[in-house]
Amino acid sequence: MSTELEIQFATQTQPLPTQAQLQTWVDVALNQYPQQFSICIRIVDDTESQALNSEYRGKDKPTNVLSFPFEIPECVEVESEILGDLVVCAPVVEKEAAEQNKQLFDHWAHMIIHGTLHLLGFDHIKDDEAEEMEQLERDILAKLQIADPYFIQ
């Protein structure tokens, strides 16, 4: 089942993933779940990422991806489960890919999958949670023939 995506491009950074690429990455991350999901992905620049990271995480710098899970009030009926919003900073993703010698769109896929898992409630604060989340990311990326993003050469 395909996830319902709203995609907002709020940056001039190029190249950016296509809507089809974003759809594929989210769908692969969510394919083990039978329900219909809805996610908004907003691709931003450094300024917006830094403002949101500062406001919501107390870190005054841009970051690669921010996840904002959504809880639907019980009185609201919807046909799909709204997972929430992902805010991805294109310049940070591009810089990280170059620094880590990764293919740009492989790193984009990782960031979208990473953020989607956060929307599902996965986290990496504790070591055991980090191990579980990172293994899920590896497994999902392997389905896309993308190498282990945590393997350090």
N, C-alpha and C. Protein backbone atom coordinates (compact mmCIF):
# COMPACT_ATOMS: atom_id res chain seq x y z
N MET A 1 0.85 -1.19 0.00
CA MET A 1 0.00 0.00 0.00
C MET A 1 0.89 1.24 0.00
N SER A 2 0.58 2.17 -0.85
CA SER A 2 1.37 3.38 -0.99
C SER A 2 0.99 4.41 0.09
N THR A 3 2.00 5.02 0.67
CA THR A 3 1.80 6.05 1.68
C THR A 3 1.39 7.35 0.99
N GLU A 4 0.46 8.05 1.61
CA GLU A 4 0.05 9.35 1.08
C GLU A 4 1.09 10.38 1.52
N LEU A 5 1.73 11.02 0.54
CA LEU A 5 2.76 12.00 0.85
C LEU A 5 2.35 13.39 0.41
N GLU A 6 2.63 14.36 1.26
CA GLU A 6 2.60 15.76 0.85
C GLU A 6 4.07 16.19 0.88
N ILE A 7 4.54 16.75 -0.21
CA ILE A 7 5.94 17.15 -0.29
C ILE A 7 6.00 18.65 -0.53
N GLN A 8 6.79 19.33 0.30
CA GLN A 8 6.97 20.77 0.18
C GLN A 8 8.45 21.04 -0.07
N PHE A 9 8.75 21.71 -1.17
CA PHE A 9 10.13 22.09 -1.47
C PHE A 9 10.30 23.55 -1.10
N ALA A 10 11.09 23.81 -0.06
CA ALA A 10 11.29 25.18 0.44
C ALA A 10 12.78 25.53 0.45
N THR A 11 13.48 25.12 -0.61
CA THR A 11 14.90 25.40 -0.74
C THR A 11 15.24 25.49 -2.22
N GLN A 12 16.31 26.21 -2.50
CA GLN A 12 16.81 26.31 -3.88
C GLN A 12 17.93 25.31 -4.14
N THR A 13 18.33 24.57 -3.11
CA THR A 13 19.41 23.58 -3.24
C THR A 13 19.06 22.57 -4.33
N GLN A 14 20.03 22.22 -5.13
CA GLN A 14 19.87 21.21 -6.17
C GLN A 14 21.09 20.31 -6.17
N PRO A 15 20.98 19.07 -6.55
CA PRO A 15 19.75 18.39 -6.94
C PRO A 15 19.00 17.90 -5.70
N LEU A 16 17.70 17.74 -5.87
CA LEU A 16 16.84 17.22 -4.82
C LEU A 16 16.20 15.92 -5.32
N PRO A 17 15.83 15.05 -4.38
CA PRO A 17 15.13 13.83 -4.81
C PRO A 17 13.78 14.18 -5.44
N THR A 18 13.34 13.31 -6.32
CA THR A 18 12.03 13.49 -6.94
C THR A 18 10.94 13.00 -6.00
N GLN A 19 9.72 13.35 -6.32
CA GLN A 19 8.59 12.86 -5.54
C GLN A 19 8.55 11.33 -5.60
N ALA A 20 8.87 10.75 -6.75
CA ALA A 20 8.86 9.29 -6.90
C ALA A 20 9.91 8.64 -6.00
N GLN A 21 11.09 9.24 -5.91
CA GLN A 21 12.13 8.69 -5.02
C GLN A 21 11.68 8.76 -3.57
N LEU A 22 11.16 9.91 -3.15
CA LEU A 22 10.70 10.06 -1.77
C LEU A 22 9.60 9.05 -1.47
N GLN A 23 8.69 8.86 -2.42
CA GLN A 23 7.59 7.91 -2.25
C GLN A 23 8.14 6.49 -2.06
N THR A 24 9.10 6.11 -2.89
CA THR A 24 9.69 4.78 -2.80
C THR A 24 10.34 4.57 -1.44
N TRP A 25 11.12 5.52 -0.98
CA TRP A 25 11.84 5.37 0.28
C TRP A 25 10.88 5.24 1.46
N VAL A 26 9.85 6.07 1.48
CA VAL A 26 8.86 5.99 2.57
C VAL A 26 8.10 4.68 2.49
N ASP A 27 7.69 4.29 1.29
CA ASP A 27 6.92 3.05 1.14
C ASP A 27 7.73 1.84 1.59
N VAL A 28 9.01 1.79 1.25
CA VAL A 28 9.85 0.66 1.68
C VAL A 28 9.98 0.65 3.20
N ALA A 29 10.09 1.81 3.80
CA ALA A 29 10.20 1.89 5.27
C ALA A 29 8.93 1.42 5.96
N LEU A 30 7.80 1.60 5.30
CA LEU A 30 6.51 1.30 5.93
C LEU A 30 5.83 0.05 5.40
N ASN A 31 6.48 -0.71 4.51
CA ASN A 31 5.78 -1.80 3.84
C ASN A 31 5.38 -2.96 4.75
N GLN A 32 5.93 -3.04 5.95
CA GLN A 32 5.53 -4.12 6.85
C GLN A 32 4.25 -3.81 7.61
N TYR A 33 3.74 -2.59 7.45
CA TYR A 33 2.54 -2.19 8.16
C TYR A 33 1.34 -2.21 7.21
N PRO A 34 0.22 -2.80 7.63
CA PRO A 34 -0.92 -2.94 6.72
C PRO A 34 -1.75 -1.67 6.53
N GLN A 35 -1.66 -0.71 7.45
CA GLN A 35 -2.53 0.45 7.36
C GLN A 35 -2.00 1.50 6.37
N GLN A 36 -2.90 2.38 5.98
CA GLN A 36 -2.58 3.50 5.09
C GLN A 36 -2.04 4.65 5.94
N PHE A 37 -0.86 5.14 5.60
CA PHE A 37 -0.25 6.24 6.33
C PHE A 37 -0.23 7.52 5.51
N SER A 38 -0.08 8.63 6.21
CA SER A 38 0.06 9.93 5.57
C SER A 38 1.22 10.67 6.25
N ILE A 39 2.11 11.23 5.44
CA ILE A 39 3.28 11.95 5.95
C ILE A 39 3.47 13.22 5.11
N CYS A 40 3.90 14.27 5.77
CA CYS A 40 4.31 15.49 5.06
C CYS A 40 5.84 15.57 5.15
N ILE A 41 6.49 15.74 4.00
CA ILE A 41 7.94 15.94 3.96
C ILE A 41 8.19 17.35 3.46
N ARG A 42 8.89 18.12 4.26
CA ARG A 42 9.25 19.49 3.88
C ARG A 42 10.77 19.55 3.75
N ILE A 43 11.24 19.91 2.58
CA ILE A 43 12.67 20.01 2.32
C ILE A 43 13.05 21.48 2.39
N VAL A 44 13.97 21.79 3.31
CA VAL A 44 14.25 23.18 3.66
C VAL A 44 15.74 23.51 3.51
N ASP A 45 16.05 24.78 3.78
CA ASP A 45 17.43 25.24 3.77
C ASP A 45 17.95 25.32 5.20
N ASP A 46 19.19 25.76 5.34
CA ASP A 46 19.84 25.85 6.66
C ASP A 46 19.07 26.73 7.64
N THR A 47 18.57 27.85 7.17
CA THR A 47 17.93 28.83 8.07
C THR A 47 16.70 28.23 8.75
N GLU A 48 15.83 27.62 7.97
CA GLU A 48 14.60 27.04 8.54
C GLU A 48 14.93 25.85 9.45
N SER A 49 15.87 25.02 9.02
CA SER A 49 16.27 23.87 9.84
C SER A 49 16.84 24.35 11.18
N GLN A 50 17.70 25.35 11.13
CA GLN A 50 18.31 25.85 12.36
C GLN A 50 17.25 26.44 13.29
N ALA A 51 16.30 27.18 12.75
CA ALA A 51 15.24 27.77 13.58
C ALA A 51 14.40 26.68 14.25
N LEU A 52 14.02 25.66 13.50
CA LEU A 52 13.22 24.57 14.07
C LEU A 52 14.02 23.75 15.07
N ASN A 53 15.28 23.47 14.76
CA ASN A 53 16.14 22.69 15.66
C ASN A 53 16.36 23.45 16.97
N SER A 54 16.50 24.76 16.87
CA SER A 54 16.68 25.59 18.06
C SER A 54 15.41 25.60 18.90
N GLU A 55 14.28 25.80 18.24
CA GLU A 55 13.00 25.89 18.97
C GLU A 55 12.59 24.57 19.61
N TYR A 56 12.73 23.47 18.89
CA TYR A 56 12.20 22.19 19.38
C TYR A 56 13.21 21.30 20.06
N ARG A 57 14.51 21.50 19.79
CA ARG A 57 15.52 20.62 20.39
C ARG A 57 16.57 21.39 21.19
N GLY A 58 16.48 22.72 21.18
CA GLY A 58 17.43 23.53 21.93
C GLY A 58 18.84 23.50 21.35
N LYS A 59 18.97 23.17 20.05
CA LYS A 59 20.27 23.11 19.40
C LYS A 59 20.29 24.15 18.29
N ASP A 60 21.14 25.16 18.44
CA ASP A 60 21.15 26.31 17.55
C ASP A 60 22.04 26.07 16.32
N LYS A 61 21.67 25.05 15.54
CA LYS A 61 22.37 24.73 14.30
C LYS A 61 21.42 23.93 13.42
N PRO A 62 21.64 23.97 12.12
CA PRO A 62 20.80 23.14 11.25
C PRO A 62 21.13 21.67 11.46
N THR A 63 20.17 20.81 11.17
CA THR A 63 20.36 19.37 11.31
C THR A 63 19.79 18.66 10.08
N ASN A 64 20.17 17.40 9.89
CA ASN A 64 19.77 16.70 8.67
C ASN A 64 18.27 16.45 8.59
N VAL A 65 17.67 15.88 9.63
CA VAL A 65 16.24 15.59 9.58
C VAL A 65 15.61 15.77 10.96
N LEU A 66 14.46 16.39 10.97
CA LEU A 66 13.66 16.54 12.18
C LEU A 66 12.34 15.81 11.95
N SER A 67 11.89 15.10 12.97
CA SER A 67 10.64 14.35 12.88
C SER A 67 9.65 14.92 13.89
N PHE A 68 8.44 15.15 13.42
CA PHE A 68 7.38 15.67 14.27
C PHE A 68 6.19 14.71 14.21
N PRO A 69 6.15 13.72 15.12
CA PRO A 69 5.04 12.77 15.13
C PRO A 69 3.72 13.48 15.44
N PHE A 70 2.64 12.93 14.88
CA PHE A 70 1.32 13.52 15.05
C PHE A 70 0.41 12.53 15.75
N GLU A 71 -0.32 13.02 16.73
CA GLU A 71 -1.32 12.18 17.41
C GLU A 71 -2.69 12.72 17.06
N ILE A 72 -3.50 11.86 16.46
CA ILE A 72 -4.84 12.25 16.05
C ILE A 72 -5.77 12.22 17.25
N PRO A 73 -6.49 13.31 17.50
CA PRO A 73 -7.47 13.29 18.58
C PRO A 73 -8.50 12.20 18.33
N GLU A 74 -8.97 11.56 19.37
CA GLU A 74 -9.91 10.44 19.23
C GLU A 74 -11.21 10.85 18.54
N CYS A 75 -11.59 12.12 18.63
CA CYS A 75 -12.85 12.57 18.04
C CYS A 75 -12.75 12.76 16.52
N VAL A 76 -11.54 12.65 15.97
CA VAL A 76 -11.34 12.85 14.54
C VAL A 76 -11.23 11.50 13.84
N GLU A 77 -12.02 11.33 12.79
CA GLU A 77 -11.94 10.10 12.01
C GLU A 77 -11.28 10.41 10.67
N VAL A 78 -10.24 9.64 10.33
CA VAL A 78 -9.57 9.80 9.04
C VAL A 78 -9.37 8.42 8.43
N GLU A 79 -9.24 8.40 7.10
CA GLU A 79 -9.07 7.13 6.41
C GLU A 79 -7.64 6.62 6.50
N SER A 80 -6.69 7.51 6.70
CA SER A 80 -5.30 7.07 6.84
C SER A 80 -4.75 7.57 8.17
N GLU A 81 -3.72 6.91 8.61
CA GLU A 81 -3.10 7.30 9.86
C GLU A 81 -2.03 8.34 9.58
N ILE A 82 -2.23 9.54 10.09
CA ILE A 82 -1.26 10.61 9.88
C ILE A 82 -0.10 10.35 10.83
N LEU A 83 1.07 10.07 10.25
CA LEU A 83 2.24 9.81 11.09
C LEU A 83 2.87 11.11 11.58
N GLY A 84 2.91 12.12 10.73
CA GLY A 84 3.49 13.39 11.14
C GLY A 84 4.27 14.02 10.00
N ASP A 85 5.22 14.87 10.40
CA ASP A 85 5.99 15.65 9.44
C ASP A 85 7.47 15.34 9.57
N LEU A 86 8.14 15.33 8.42
CA LEU A 86 9.60 15.27 8.37
C LEU A 86 10.08 16.58 7.77
N VAL A 87 11.07 17.18 8.40
CA VAL A 87 11.70 18.37 7.86
C VAL A 87 13.15 17.99 7.58
N VAL A 88 13.53 18.05 6.31
CA VAL A 88 14.86 17.61 5.89
C VAL A 88 15.62 18.82 5.35
N CYS A 89 16.82 19.02 5.87
CA CYS A 89 17.65 20.15 5.45
C CYS A 89 18.56 19.70 4.30
N ALA A 90 18.23 20.15 3.09
CA ALA A 90 18.97 19.73 1.90
C ALA A 90 20.46 20.06 1.97
N PRO A 91 20.86 21.27 2.38
CA PRO A 91 22.30 21.55 2.43
C PRO A 91 23.05 20.66 3.43
N VAL A 92 22.44 20.31 4.55
CA VAL A 92 23.10 19.44 5.53
C VAL A 92 23.23 18.03 4.96
N VAL A 93 22.19 17.52 4.33
CA VAL A 93 22.25 16.18 3.74
C VAL A 93 23.35 16.13 2.68
N GLU A 94 23.42 17.16 1.85
CA GLU A 94 24.44 17.22 0.80
C GLU A 94 25.84 17.27 1.41
N LYS A 95 26.02 18.09 2.42
CA LYS A 95 27.33 18.22 3.08
C LYS A 95 27.74 16.91 3.74
N GLU A 96 26.81 16.27 4.46
CA GLU A 96 27.12 15.00 5.11
C GLU A 96 27.50 13.91 4.11
N ALA A 97 26.76 13.85 3.00
CA ALA A 97 27.06 12.84 1.99
C ALA A 97 28.49 13.01 1.48
N ALA A 98 28.88 14.25 1.21
CA ALA A 98 30.24 14.52 0.72
C ALA A 98 31.28 14.16 1.78
N GLU A 99 31.04 14.58 3.02
CA GLU A 99 31.99 14.31 4.11
C GLU A 99 32.14 12.82 4.38
N GLN A 100 31.06 12.07 4.20
CA GLN A 100 31.07 10.63 4.52
C GLN A 100 31.30 9.76 3.28
N ASN A 101 31.64 10.40 2.16
CA ASN A 101 31.89 9.69 0.90
C ASN A 101 30.74 8.76 0.52
N LYS A 102 29.52 9.28 0.63
CA LYS A 102 28.33 8.50 0.27
C LYS A 102 27.71 9.10 -0.98
N GLN A 103 27.03 8.26 -1.75
CA GLN A 103 26.25 8.77 -2.87
C GLN A 103 25.15 9.66 -2.31
N LEU A 104 24.95 10.83 -2.93
CA LEU A 104 24.00 11.80 -2.40
C LEU A 104 22.61 11.20 -2.17
N PHE A 105 22.06 10.50 -3.17
CA PHE A 105 20.70 10.02 -3.02
C PHE A 105 20.62 8.79 -2.12
N ASP A 106 21.72 8.08 -1.94
CA ASP A 106 21.75 7.02 -0.93
C ASP A 106 21.60 7.64 0.46
N HIS A 107 22.29 8.76 0.67
CA HIS A 107 22.19 9.43 1.98
C HIS A 107 20.79 10.03 2.16
N TRP A 108 20.22 10.58 1.08
CA TRP A 108 18.84 11.07 1.16
C TRP A 108 17.90 9.95 1.57
N ALA A 109 18.05 8.78 0.94
CA ALA A 109 17.19 7.64 1.27
C ALA A 109 17.32 7.30 2.75
N HIS A 110 18.57 7.28 3.24
CA HIS A 110 18.80 6.97 4.65
C HIS A 110 18.11 7.98 5.55
N MET A 111 18.22 9.26 5.24
CA MET A 111 17.61 10.30 6.09
C MET A 111 16.08 10.20 6.08
N ILE A 112 15.49 9.91 4.93
CA ILE A 112 14.03 9.77 4.86
C ILE A 112 13.58 8.54 5.65
N ILE A 113 14.29 7.45 5.51
CA ILE A 113 13.95 6.23 6.25
C ILE A 113 14.16 6.44 7.74
N HIS A 114 15.27 7.06 8.11
CA HIS A 114 15.57 7.37 9.52
C HIS A 114 14.44 8.20 10.13
N GLY A 115 14.05 9.26 9.43
CA GLY A 115 12.98 10.12 9.93
C GLY A 115 11.64 9.40 10.02
N THR A 116 11.35 8.56 9.03
CA THR A 116 10.10 7.80 9.04
C THR A 116 10.05 6.86 10.24
N LEU A 117 11.18 6.23 10.55
CA LEU A 117 11.22 5.35 11.73
C LEU A 117 11.00 6.14 13.01
N HIS A 118 11.52 7.36 13.07
CA HIS A 118 11.23 8.22 14.23
C HIS A 118 9.73 8.47 14.36
N LEU A 119 9.07 8.71 13.23
CA LEU A 119 7.62 8.95 13.27
C LEU A 119 6.86 7.73 13.79
N LEU A 120 7.44 6.55 13.58
CA LEU A 120 6.83 5.31 14.09
C LEU A 120 7.14 5.07 15.57
N GLY A 121 7.99 5.91 16.15
CA GLY A 121 8.31 5.79 17.57
C GLY A 121 9.68 5.21 17.87
N PHE A 122 10.45 4.88 16.86
CA PHE A 122 11.81 4.39 17.09
C PHE A 122 12.71 5.55 17.47
N ASP A 123 13.72 5.25 18.28
CA ASP A 123 14.64 6.29 18.73
C ASP A 123 16.03 5.71 18.89
N HIS A 124 17.00 6.58 19.15
CA HIS A 124 18.38 6.13 19.28
C HIS A 124 19.08 6.80 20.45
N ILE A 125 18.31 7.12 21.48
CA ILE A 125 18.89 7.76 22.66
C ILE A 125 19.65 6.73 23.49
N LYS A 126 19.03 5.60 23.76
CA LYS A 126 19.68 4.53 24.52
C LYS A 126 20.38 3.59 23.55
N ASP A 127 21.47 2.96 24.01
CA ASP A 127 22.26 2.08 23.14
C ASP A 127 21.44 0.95 22.52
N ASP A 128 20.59 0.30 23.33
CA ASP A 128 19.82 -0.83 22.79
C ASP A 128 18.79 -0.35 21.76
N GLU A 129 18.21 0.84 21.99
CA GLU A 129 17.27 1.41 21.02
C GLU A 129 18.00 1.79 19.74
N ALA A 130 19.20 2.34 19.89
CA ALA A 130 19.99 2.74 18.73
C ALA A 130 20.34 1.52 17.89
N GLU A 131 20.74 0.44 18.54
CA GLU A 131 21.08 -0.78 17.81
C GLU A 131 19.88 -1.30 17.02
N GLU A 132 18.70 -1.31 17.65
CA GLU A 132 17.49 -1.79 16.98
C GLU A 132 17.15 -0.90 15.78
N MET A 133 17.19 0.42 15.99
CA MET A 133 16.83 1.34 14.92
C MET A 133 17.84 1.27 13.77
N GLU A 134 19.12 1.22 14.09
CA GLU A 134 20.14 1.16 13.05
C GLU A 134 20.04 -0.14 12.25
N GLN A 135 19.71 -1.25 12.90
CA GLN A 135 19.55 -2.50 12.17
C GLN A 135 18.34 -2.45 11.24
N LEU A 136 17.26 -1.85 11.71
CA LEU A 136 16.09 -1.67 10.84
C LEU A 136 16.46 -0.83 9.62
N GLU A 137 17.22 0.24 9.84
CA GLU A 137 17.65 1.09 8.73
C GLU A 137 18.49 0.28 7.75
N ARG A 138 19.43 -0.51 8.25
CA ARG A 138 20.26 -1.34 7.38
C ARG A 138 19.41 -2.30 6.56
N ASP A 139 18.44 -2.95 7.21
CA ASP A 139 17.58 -3.91 6.53
C ASP A 139 16.74 -3.24 5.44
N ILE A 140 16.19 -2.09 5.75
CA ILE A 140 15.36 -1.36 4.78
C ILE A 140 16.22 -0.88 3.61
N LEU A 141 17.37 -0.30 3.91
CA LEU A 141 18.26 0.19 2.86
C LEU A 141 18.77 -0.94 1.98
N ALA A 142 18.98 -2.11 2.56
CA ALA A 142 19.44 -3.26 1.78
C ALA A 142 18.40 -3.64 0.72
N LYS A 143 17.12 -3.46 1.03
CA LYS A 143 16.06 -3.74 0.05
C LYS A 143 16.16 -2.81 -1.16
N LEU A 144 16.82 -1.66 -0.95
CA LEU A 144 17.02 -0.69 -2.02
C LEU A 144 18.42 -0.79 -2.63
N GLN A 145 19.16 -1.84 -2.24
CA GLN A 145 20.55 -2.04 -2.67
C GLN A 145 21.45 -0.86 -2.27
N ILE A 146 21.21 -0.33 -1.08
CA ILE A 146 22.03 0.76 -0.54
C ILE A 146 22.85 0.18 0.61
N ALA A 147 24.14 0.48 0.58
CA ALA A 147 25.09 -0.06 1.56
C ALA A 147 24.79 0.42 2.97
N ASP A 148 25.31 -0.31 3.94
CA ASP A 148 25.19 0.01 5.36
C ASP A 148 25.71 1.43 5.61
N PRO A 149 24.85 2.34 6.02
CA PRO A 149 25.29 3.73 6.23
C PRO A 149 26.16 3.90 7.47
N TYR A 150 26.21 2.88 8.32
CA TYR A 150 27.00 2.99 9.56
C TYR A 150 28.35 2.33 9.43
N PHE A 151 28.63 1.72 8.29
CA PHE A 151 29.92 1.08 8.06
C PHE A 151 30.96 2.16 7.79
N ILE A 152 31.97 2.22 8.63
CA ILE A 152 33.03 3.22 8.50
C ILE A 152 34.22 2.60 7.80
N GLN A 153 34.63 3.21 6.71
CA GLN A 153 35.76 2.68 5.94
C GLN A 153 37.07 3.20 6.47
